């Protein structure tokens, strides 16, 4: 039997979109699918792992892995037996010179690969990947909205440009996958795709079995003072994640409450300085990138997410699986999991005082936090697993979905 060849195109093969894409690919039946990844040349911190990436048009296999930064997941795909390619000119920032080069390179790589399906992820990878796949004559093009590059915290003219670009790329898309119901609703509201081509998918996370002793082990790994209460989060230290609002909310907590931020990013030094000015000192810990996030989560009394905009982050599901109550901003698909007052607490974005009050409530009412955490675990059930995602991927890759200009063929 001839296997279906699938190429995943993604700007940054990092946690979040990269993790969902990789877990879905790994869960597909290897007897039916041959999956590869084509990623951009930047990682979580925007740097390249190898100077050769600056000169090369395309890096493949071990060279692509060597050029990837530490937080990149392309190495995991390669070790799993998948074909991996890095296109250094595919960068997340708007860069006309790089963008033109990336489009040319992607078109050539996809045409040479003869893929049956091209599945794109993230904003830049989604735009250039779909245009390249259409030029290469790919029979089926799928795109996942893990979130959107447009949001309420940017100029209206910029937001409108992004929406128009998405609408144009939609003409070259057979099927859309939206991470969370509200992401799908927003896409339809913006007329970015027709209802018959949009499917909602879970942000699949690996199952991890927690035992009663995991909490003590996690606290030992954090090396914090005995008896303190921990409010933690995971994500890039950047504008989207609103780390300054997390710091502000923590500064309003009692002295026995410590904050933990797992993840690096471009605003890290600025946020460290802010925490010092707020008088947090040792009460705010910046851990940088960690590969053992799921082992650290049980240490938290509260998982707090301050983001200005999101899709539905995998780490929220992981926190729920760890039995940690969630306080988050009411952005996009968070309400799929965090039902206000039932499975967690939601507050408006950019309101650090309300985030602080919600955190305080959960800390002061641990039985309420436990109730909501258990209800959240019951709510997600087995719907957020790689196997559940793979079922949808199989249906979409083989299904009847067709881009508009193909209708009637």
Protein backbone atom coordinates (compact mmCIF):
# COMPACT_ATOMS: atom_id res chain seq x y z
CA UNK A 1 0.00 0.00 0.00
CA UNK A 2 1.33 3.43 -0.95
CA UNK A 3 1.53 5.72 2.03
CA UNK A 4 0.14 9.25 1.96
CA UNK A 5 3.00 11.74 2.04
CA UNK A 6 2.34 14.71 4.34
CA UNK A 7 4.58 17.76 4.72
CA UNK A 8 4.03 19.98 7.76
CA UNK A 9 5.22 23.56 7.21
CA UNK A 10 5.70 25.64 10.35
CA UNK A 11 7.51 28.87 11.14
CA UNK A 12 8.94 27.82 14.49
CA UNK A 13 9.03 24.18 15.53
CA UNK A 14 8.62 25.06 19.19
CA UNK A 15 6.20 24.26 22.00
CA UNK A 16 2.60 25.23 21.36
CA UNK A 17 1.94 24.97 17.64
CA UNK A 18 5.04 22.83 17.10
CA UNK A 19 4.12 20.49 19.92
CA UNK A 20 0.57 19.97 18.67
CA UNK A 21 1.79 19.41 15.11
CA UNK A 22 4.41 16.89 16.21
CA UNK A 23 2.13 14.96 18.56
CA UNK A 24 -0.53 14.69 15.87
CA UNK A 25 2.01 13.47 13.33
CA UNK A 26 3.41 10.86 15.72
CA UNK A 27 -0.08 9.52 16.41
CA UNK A 28 -0.87 8.87 12.74
CA UNK A 29 -0.66 5.27 11.54
CA UNK A 30 2.88 4.89 10.08
CA UNK A 31 1.61 2.19 7.72
CA UNK A 32 -0.70 4.74 6.13
CA UNK A 33 1.26 8.01 6.44
CA UNK A 34 4.77 9.23 5.74
CA UNK A 35 5.14 12.55 7.55
CA UNK A 36 7.85 15.19 7.28
CA UNK A 37 8.45 18.64 8.76
CA UNK A 38 9.67 21.81 7.09
CA UNK A 39 10.47 24.49 9.66
CA UNK A 40 11.81 28.02 9.66
CA UNK A 41 15.27 29.02 10.79
CA UNK A 42 14.42 30.60 14.12
CA UNK A 43 13.57 29.08 17.46
CA UNK A 44 12.00 30.18 20.72
CA UNK A 45 14.52 32.95 21.35
CA UNK A 46 14.84 34.04 17.72
CA UNK A 47 18.43 32.80 17.41
CA UNK A 48 19.92 30.15 15.18
CA UNK A 49 21.82 27.23 16.57
CA UNK A 50 24.48 27.08 13.86
CA UNK A 51 26.10 29.79 11.76
CA UNK A 52 25.80 27.62 8.63
CA UNK A 53 22.05 28.28 8.68
CA UNK A 54 22.77 31.91 7.70
CA UNK A 55 24.29 30.82 4.39
CA UNK A 56 22.25 27.78 3.42
CA UNK A 57 19.02 27.93 1.44
CA UNK A 58 17.90 24.56 2.80
CA UNK A 59 19.23 22.31 5.55
CA UNK A 60 18.14 18.71 5.81
CA UNK A 61 18.36 15.90 8.34
CA UNK A 62 21.21 16.15 10.82
CA UNK A 63 22.24 19.58 9.50
CA UNK A 64 18.74 20.92 10.17
CA UNK A 65 18.81 19.48 13.69
CA UNK A 66 22.27 20.93 14.37
CA UNK A 67 21.13 24.39 13.24
CA UNK A 68 18.06 24.38 15.49
CA UNK A 69 18.11 26.18 18.85
CA UNK A 70 17.70 24.13 22.08
CA UNK A 71 13.95 24.68 22.43
CA UNK A 72 13.21 23.52 18.88
CA UNK A 73 11.35 20.22 18.39
CA UNK A 74 12.72 19.41 14.95
CA UNK A 75 15.23 17.09 16.60
CA UNK A 76 12.40 15.06 18.14
CA UNK A 77 10.78 14.66 14.73
CA UNK A 78 14.09 13.55 13.24
CA UNK A 79 14.76 11.02 16.01
CA UNK A 80 11.25 9.64 15.44
CA UNK A 81 12.29 8.78 11.89
CA UNK A 82 10.66 11.71 10.09
CA UNK A 83 12.26 13.66 7.27
CA UNK A 84 13.12 17.16 8.50
CA UNK A 85 14.05 20.29 6.58
CA UNK A 86 14.97 23.76 7.73
CA UNK A 87 14.42 26.86 5.57
CA UNK A 88 16.43 29.65 7.28
CA UNK A 89 14.72 32.42 5.29
CA UNK A 90 11.34 31.46 6.82
CA UNK A 91 11.29 33.87 9.78
CA UNK A 92 8.39 35.04 11.98
CA UNK A 93 9.05 38.75 11.47
CA UNK A 94 7.82 40.64 8.41
CA UNK A 95 10.87 40.73 6.14
CA UNK A 96 10.20 41.25 2.41
CA UNK A 97 13.62 39.96 1.34
CA UNK A 98 13.42 36.84 3.50
CA UNK A 99 9.76 36.29 2.67
CA UNK A 100 10.39 36.29 -1.08
CA UNK A 101 13.29 33.89 -0.63
CA UNK A 102 11.26 31.62 1.64
CA UNK A 103 8.37 31.48 -0.85
CA UNK A 104 10.73 30.49 -3.68
CA UNK A 105 12.48 27.89 -1.55
CA UNK A 106 9.28 26.40 -0.13
CA UNK A 107 7.75 26.15 -3.61
CA UNK A 108 10.79 24.24 -4.88
CA UNK A 109 11.00 21.97 -1.81
CA UNK A 110 7.31 21.11 -1.94
CA UNK A 111 7.36 20.50 -5.69
CA UNK A 112 10.40 18.24 -5.41
CA UNK A 113 8.85 16.36 -2.49
CA UNK A 114 5.72 15.43 -4.43
CA UNK A 115 3.61 15.53 -1.27
CA UNK A 116 -0.01 14.43 -1.28
CA UNK A 117 -0.87 16.80 1.57
CA UNK A 118 0.75 20.01 2.76
CA UNK A 119 -0.35 20.93 6.28
CA UNK A 120 0.67 24.42 7.40
CA UNK A 121 0.85 25.87 10.89
CA UNK A 122 1.42 29.34 12.43
CA UNK A 123 1.01 32.74 10.77
CA UNK A 124 4.01 33.11 8.45
CA UNK A 125 4.35 29.39 7.78
CA UNK A 126 0.63 29.29 7.04
CA UNK A 127 0.73 32.12 4.51
CA UNK A 128 3.93 31.26 2.65
CA UNK A 129 3.41 27.52 3.00
CA UNK A 130 -0.06 27.60 1.45
CA UNK A 131 0.98 29.88 -1.40
CA UNK A 132 3.99 27.68 -2.09
CA UNK A 133 1.91 24.49 -1.95
CA UNK A 134 -0.58 25.95 -4.43
CA UNK A 135 2.25 26.93 -6.78
CA UNK A 136 3.76 23.47 -6.41
CA UNK A 137 0.47 21.87 -7.45
CA UNK A 138 -0.22 20.11 -4.14
CA UNK A 139 -3.51 18.20 -4.31
CA UNK A 140 -4.60 18.87 -0.72
CA UNK A 141 -3.70 21.86 1.47
CA UNK A 142 -4.66 21.99 5.15
CA UNK A 143 -4.04 24.81 7.59
CA UNK A 144 -4.29 24.88 11.40
CA UNK A 145 -5.21 28.06 13.22
CA UNK A 146 -3.43 27.67 16.56
CA UNK A 147 -4.39 31.28 17.19
CA UNK A 148 -4.27 34.43 15.07
CA UNK A 149 -1.59 37.06 14.36
CA UNK A 150 -4.24 39.77 14.73
CA UNK A 151 -5.68 40.91 18.05
CA UNK A 152 -7.27 43.85 19.84
CA UNK A 153 -3.94 45.20 21.07
CA UNK A 154 -2.67 46.32 17.65
CA UNK A 155 -3.60 49.07 15.20
CA UNK A 156 -6.87 48.48 13.35
CA UNK A 157 -5.19 48.90 9.95
CA UNK A 158 -2.64 46.20 10.74
CA UNK A 159 -5.36 43.88 12.00
CA UNK A 160 -7.34 44.39 8.77
CA UNK A 161 -4.28 43.58 6.64
CA UNK A 162 -3.75 40.31 8.48
CA UNK A 163 -7.41 39.35 8.07
CA UNK A 164 -7.31 40.09 4.33
CA UNK A 165 -4.17 38.00 3.93
CA UNK A 166 -5.88 35.11 5.72
CA UNK A 167 -8.93 35.44 3.48
CA UNK A 168 -6.73 35.32 0.39
CA UNK A 169 -4.85 32.25 1.62
CA UNK A 170 -8.19 30.63 2.37
CA UNK A 171 -8.76 30.38 -1.38
CA UNK A 172 -5.80 27.99 -1.46
CA UNK A 173 -6.96 25.86 1.49
CA UNK A 174 -8.96 22.65 1.31
CA UNK A 175 -9.57 22.35 5.04
CA UNK A 176 -9.00 24.41 8.16
CA UNK A 177 -8.36 23.09 11.66
CA UNK A 178 -9.05 25.44 14.58
CA UNK A 179 -7.53 24.81 17.99
CA UNK A 180 -10.62 25.50 20.07
CA UNK A 181 -14.22 26.40 19.30
CA UNK A 182 -13.79 30.14 19.78
CA UNK A 183 -10.89 30.17 17.31
CA UNK A 184 -13.22 28.56 14.76
CA UNK A 185 -15.98 31.06 15.59
CA UNK A 186 -13.60 34.00 15.16
CA UNK A 187 -12.43 32.65 11.80
CA UNK A 188 -15.98 32.31 10.54
CA UNK A 189 -16.91 35.74 11.88
CA UNK A 190 -13.98 37.20 9.94
CA UNK A 191 -15.01 35.25 6.80
CA UNK A 192 -11.65 33.50 6.63
CA UNK A 193 -13.14 30.14 5.65
CA UNK A 194 -16.47 28.52 4.91
CA UNK A 195 -18.25 26.41 7.53
CA UNK A 196 -17.99 23.20 5.50
CA UNK A 197 -14.18 23.36 5.52
CA UNK A 198 -13.57 24.15 9.21
CA UNK A 199 -13.00 21.51 11.88
CA UNK A 200 -12.32 22.13 15.56
CA UNK A 201 -9.45 20.13 17.07
CA UNK A 202 -8.04 19.67 20.56
CA UNK A 203 -4.58 20.95 21.53
CA UNK A 204 -3.31 17.41 22.00
CA UNK A 205 -0.98 16.77 24.93
CA UNK A 206 0.84 13.61 25.93
CA UNK A 207 -0.83 11.73 28.74
CA UNK A 208 1.11 11.84 31.99
CA UNK A 209 0.11 9.87 35.06
CA UNK A 210 0.40 11.89 38.25
CA UNK A 211 0.80 10.27 41.66
CA UNK A 212 0.38 11.82 45.13
CA UNK A 213 4.15 12.12 45.50
CA UNK A 214 4.53 14.24 42.38
CA UNK A 215 3.79 17.44 44.30
CA UNK A 216 6.67 16.98 46.71
CA UNK A 217 9.01 15.95 43.90
CA UNK A 218 8.05 18.99 41.86
CA UNK A 219 8.66 21.34 44.78
CA UNK A 220 12.07 19.75 45.34
CA UNK A 221 12.96 20.45 41.69
CA UNK A 222 11.99 24.11 42.12
CA UNK A 223 14.15 24.45 45.25
CA UNK A 224 11.90 27.02 46.93
CA UNK A 225 11.51 27.67 50.66
CA UNK A 226 9.41 25.15 52.57
CA UNK A 227 5.80 26.19 53.15
CA UNK A 228 5.50 28.86 50.46
CA UNK A 229 2.54 28.95 48.07
CA UNK A 230 3.37 28.94 44.36
CA UNK A 231 1.63 30.71 41.50
CA UNK A 232 3.17 29.56 38.25
CA UNK A 233 2.88 29.88 34.51
CA UNK A 234 4.58 28.68 31.34
CA UNK A 235 5.20 30.63 28.14
CA UNK A 236 7.43 32.99 26.22
CA UNK A 237 8.36 36.17 28.03
CA UNK A 238 6.90 38.46 25.39
CA UNK A 239 4.12 40.97 24.71
CA UNK A 240 1.53 38.31 23.87
CA UNK A 241 1.91 36.58 27.24
CA UNK A 242 1.72 39.86 29.24
CA UNK A 243 4.43 38.99 31.78
CA UNK A 244 4.20 42.48 33.28
CA UNK A 245 0.60 41.74 34.27
CA UNK A 246 1.66 38.48 35.89
CA UNK A 247 4.34 40.37 37.86
CA UNK A 248 1.83 43.05 38.86
CA UNK A 249 -0.68 40.42 40.03
CA UNK A 250 1.99 38.61 42.05
CA UNK A 251 3.10 41.86 43.71
CA UNK A 252 -0.38 42.11 45.27
CA UNK A 253 -0.08 38.71 46.99
CA UNK A 254 1.17 38.06 50.55
CA UNK A 255 4.86 37.47 51.19
CA UNK A 256 4.45 33.70 51.38
CA UNK A 257 3.30 33.56 47.72
CA UNK A 258 6.07 32.98 45.17
CA UNK A 259 5.82 33.36 41.40
CA UNK A 260 7.42 30.97 38.93
CA UNK A 261 7.69 31.69 35.20
CA UNK A 262 8.91 28.82 33.01
CA UNK A 263 10.11 29.96 29.58
CA UNK A 264 12.51 32.39 27.97
CA UNK A 265 11.89 35.26 25.61
CA UNK A 266 12.87 38.65 24.32
CA UNK A 267 11.45 40.59 27.30
CA UNK A 268 13.09 38.52 30.02
CA UNK A 269 15.65 41.10 31.21
CA UNK A 270 13.04 43.85 31.24
CA UNK A 271 10.67 41.70 33.30
CA UNK A 272 13.37 40.76 35.79
CA UNK A 273 14.01 44.45 36.32
CA UNK A 274 10.28 45.11 36.73
CA UNK A 275 9.99 42.38 39.36
CA UNK A 276 12.84 43.98 41.29
CA UNK A 277 11.20 47.40 41.14
CA UNK A 278 7.98 45.84 42.46
CA UNK A 279 9.94 44.58 45.45
CA UNK A 280 9.44 40.89 44.65
CA UNK A 281 13.11 39.93 44.89
CA UNK A 282 13.42 36.18 45.47
CA UNK A 283 9.63 35.79 45.35
CA UNK A 284 9.71 35.91 41.53
CA UNK A 285 11.68 33.10 39.87
CA UNK A 286 12.44 33.06 36.15
CA UNK A 287 13.39 29.51 35.17
CA UNK A 288 13.91 29.91 31.41
CA UNK A 289 13.26 27.04 29.05
CA UNK A 290 12.71 23.68 30.75
CA UNK A 291 12.17 20.23 29.25
CA UNK A 292 10.49 18.93 32.42
CA UNK A 293 7.44 21.22 32.54
CA UNK A 294 4.94 18.42 33.23
CA UNK A 295 6.98 17.35 36.25
CA UNK A 296 7.03 20.89 37.65
CA UNK A 297 3.32 21.72 37.27
CA UNK A 298 2.10 19.80 40.36
CA UNK A 299 4.12 22.21 42.52
CA UNK A 300 1.72 25.07 41.75
CA UNK A 301 -1.20 26.10 43.94
CA UNK A 302 -2.48 28.10 40.97
CA UNK A 303 -1.66 28.09 37.27
CA UNK A 304 -2.12 31.71 36.14
CA UNK A 305 -2.14 32.84 32.52
CA UNK A 306 -2.06 36.59 31.86
CA UNK A 307 -1.99 36.51 28.03
CA UNK A 308 -3.38 39.33 25.91
CA UNK A 309 -4.33 36.86 23.17
CA UNK A 310 -4.04 33.10 22.65
CA UNK A 311 -5.50 30.08 20.92
CA UNK A 312 -5.76 27.30 23.50
CA UNK A 313 -2.30 26.64 24.98
CA UNK A 314 -1.33 23.01 25.55
CA UNK A 315 0.10 23.88 28.94
CA UNK A 316 -3.39 24.78 30.22
CA UNK A 317 -4.46 21.20 29.47
CA UNK A 318 -1.29 19.91 31.13
CA UNK A 319 -2.00 21.99 34.23
CA UNK A 320 -5.53 20.58 34.37
CA UNK A 321 -4.15 17.05 34.05
CA UNK A 322 -1.82 17.84 36.96
CA UNK A 323 -4.80 18.79 39.13
CA UNK A 324 -3.86 22.47 39.34
CA UNK A 325 -6.67 25.09 39.36
CA UNK A 326 -6.43 27.55 36.48
CA UNK A 327 -6.88 31.32 36.50
CA UNK A 328 -6.63 32.78 33.00
CA UNK A 329 -7.60 35.67 30.79
CA UNK A 330 -10.78 35.26 28.76
CA UNK A 331 -9.17 35.10 25.33
CA UNK A 332 -10.19 33.02 22.31
CA UNK A 333 -10.64 29.32 23.13
CA UNK A 334 -9.76 29.31 26.84
CA UNK A 335 -13.45 28.99 27.68
CA UNK A 336 -13.45 25.56 25.98
CA UNK A 337 -11.69 24.33 29.10
CA UNK A 338 -12.01 27.07 31.73
CA UNK A 339 -15.71 27.51 32.40
CA UNK A 340 -15.99 30.50 34.77
CA UNK A 341 -16.56 29.39 38.34
CA UNK A 342 -16.91 25.74 37.35
CA UNK A 343 -13.56 24.56 35.99
CA UNK A 344 -11.48 27.64 36.79
CA UNK A 345 -11.65 31.43 36.84
CA UNK A 346 -11.52 33.79 33.85
CA UNK A 347 -10.70 37.50 33.95
CA UNK A 348 -10.49 40.14 31.19
CA UNK A 349 -7.09 40.55 29.54
CA UNK A 350 -4.95 43.56 30.47
CA UNK A 351 -6.59 43.82 33.91
CA UNK A 352 -3.81 42.74 36.29
CA UNK A 353 -5.81 43.85 39.34
CA UNK A 354 -8.60 41.41 38.43
CA UNK A 355 -6.06 38.67 37.73
CA UNK A 356 -4.61 39.33 41.19
CA UNK A 357 -8.03 39.14 42.84
CA UNK A 358 -8.82 35.82 41.14
CA UNK A 359 -5.48 34.35 42.20
CA UNK A 360 -6.10 35.51 45.77
CA UNK A 361 -9.54 33.88 45.78
CA UNK A 362 -8.15 30.48 44.77
CA UNK A 363 -5.28 30.74 47.25
CA UNK A 364 -7.63 31.69 50.08
CA UNK A 365 -10.20 29.02 49.19
CA UNK A 366 -8.19 25.87 48.44
CA UNK A 367 -11.28 23.64 48.60
CA UNK A 368 -12.84 25.73 45.82
CA UNK A 369 -9.65 25.42 43.81
CA UNK A 370 -9.66 21.67 44.26
CA UNK A 371 -13.31 21.47 43.20
CA UNK A 372 -12.70 23.44 40.01
CA UNK A 373 -9.51 21.52 39.19
CA UNK A 374 -11.33 18.19 39.46
CA UNK A 375 -14.23 19.46 37.36
CA UNK A 376 -11.75 20.58 34.70
CA UNK A 377 -10.15 17.14 34.61
CA UNK A 378 -13.56 15.57 34.15
CA UNK A 379 -14.39 18.05 31.38
CA UNK A 380 -11.35 17.38 29.19
CA UNK A 381 -11.63 13.59 29.58
CA UNK A 382 -9.85 11.84 26.70
CA UNK A 383 -10.61 14.51 24.11
CA UNK A 384 -7.23 16.24 24.28
CA UNK A 385 -4.97 13.32 23.44
CA UNK A 386 -2.79 12.74 20.34
CA UNK A 387 -5.00 9.81 19.34
CA UNK A 388 -8.07 12.05 19.28
CA UNK A 389 -6.20 14.55 17.11
CA UNK A 390 -4.92 11.81 14.79
CA UNK A 391 -8.49 10.66 14.14
CA UNK A 392 -9.42 14.14 12.90
CA UNK A 393 -6.23 14.45 10.85
CA UNK A 394 -6.93 11.16 9.11
CA UNK A 395 -10.46 12.29 8.24
CA UNK A 396 -9.29 15.67 6.97
CA UNK A 397 -6.36 14.34 4.94
CA UNK A 398 -8.69 11.86 3.20
CA UNK A 399 -11.98 13.77 3.37
CA UNK A 400 -14.18 15.58 0.84
CA UNK A 401 -13.03 19.09 1.74
CA UNK A 402 -12.13 21.17 -1.32
CA UNK A 403 -10.80 24.68 -1.78
CA UNK A 404 -13.24 27.00 -3.61
CA UNK A 405 -11.54 27.11 -7.01
CA UNK A 406 -11.51 23.31 -7.15
CA UNK A 407 -15.28 22.96 -6.83
CA UNK A 408 -16.82 21.10 -9.73
CA UNK A 409 -13.62 19.33 -10.69
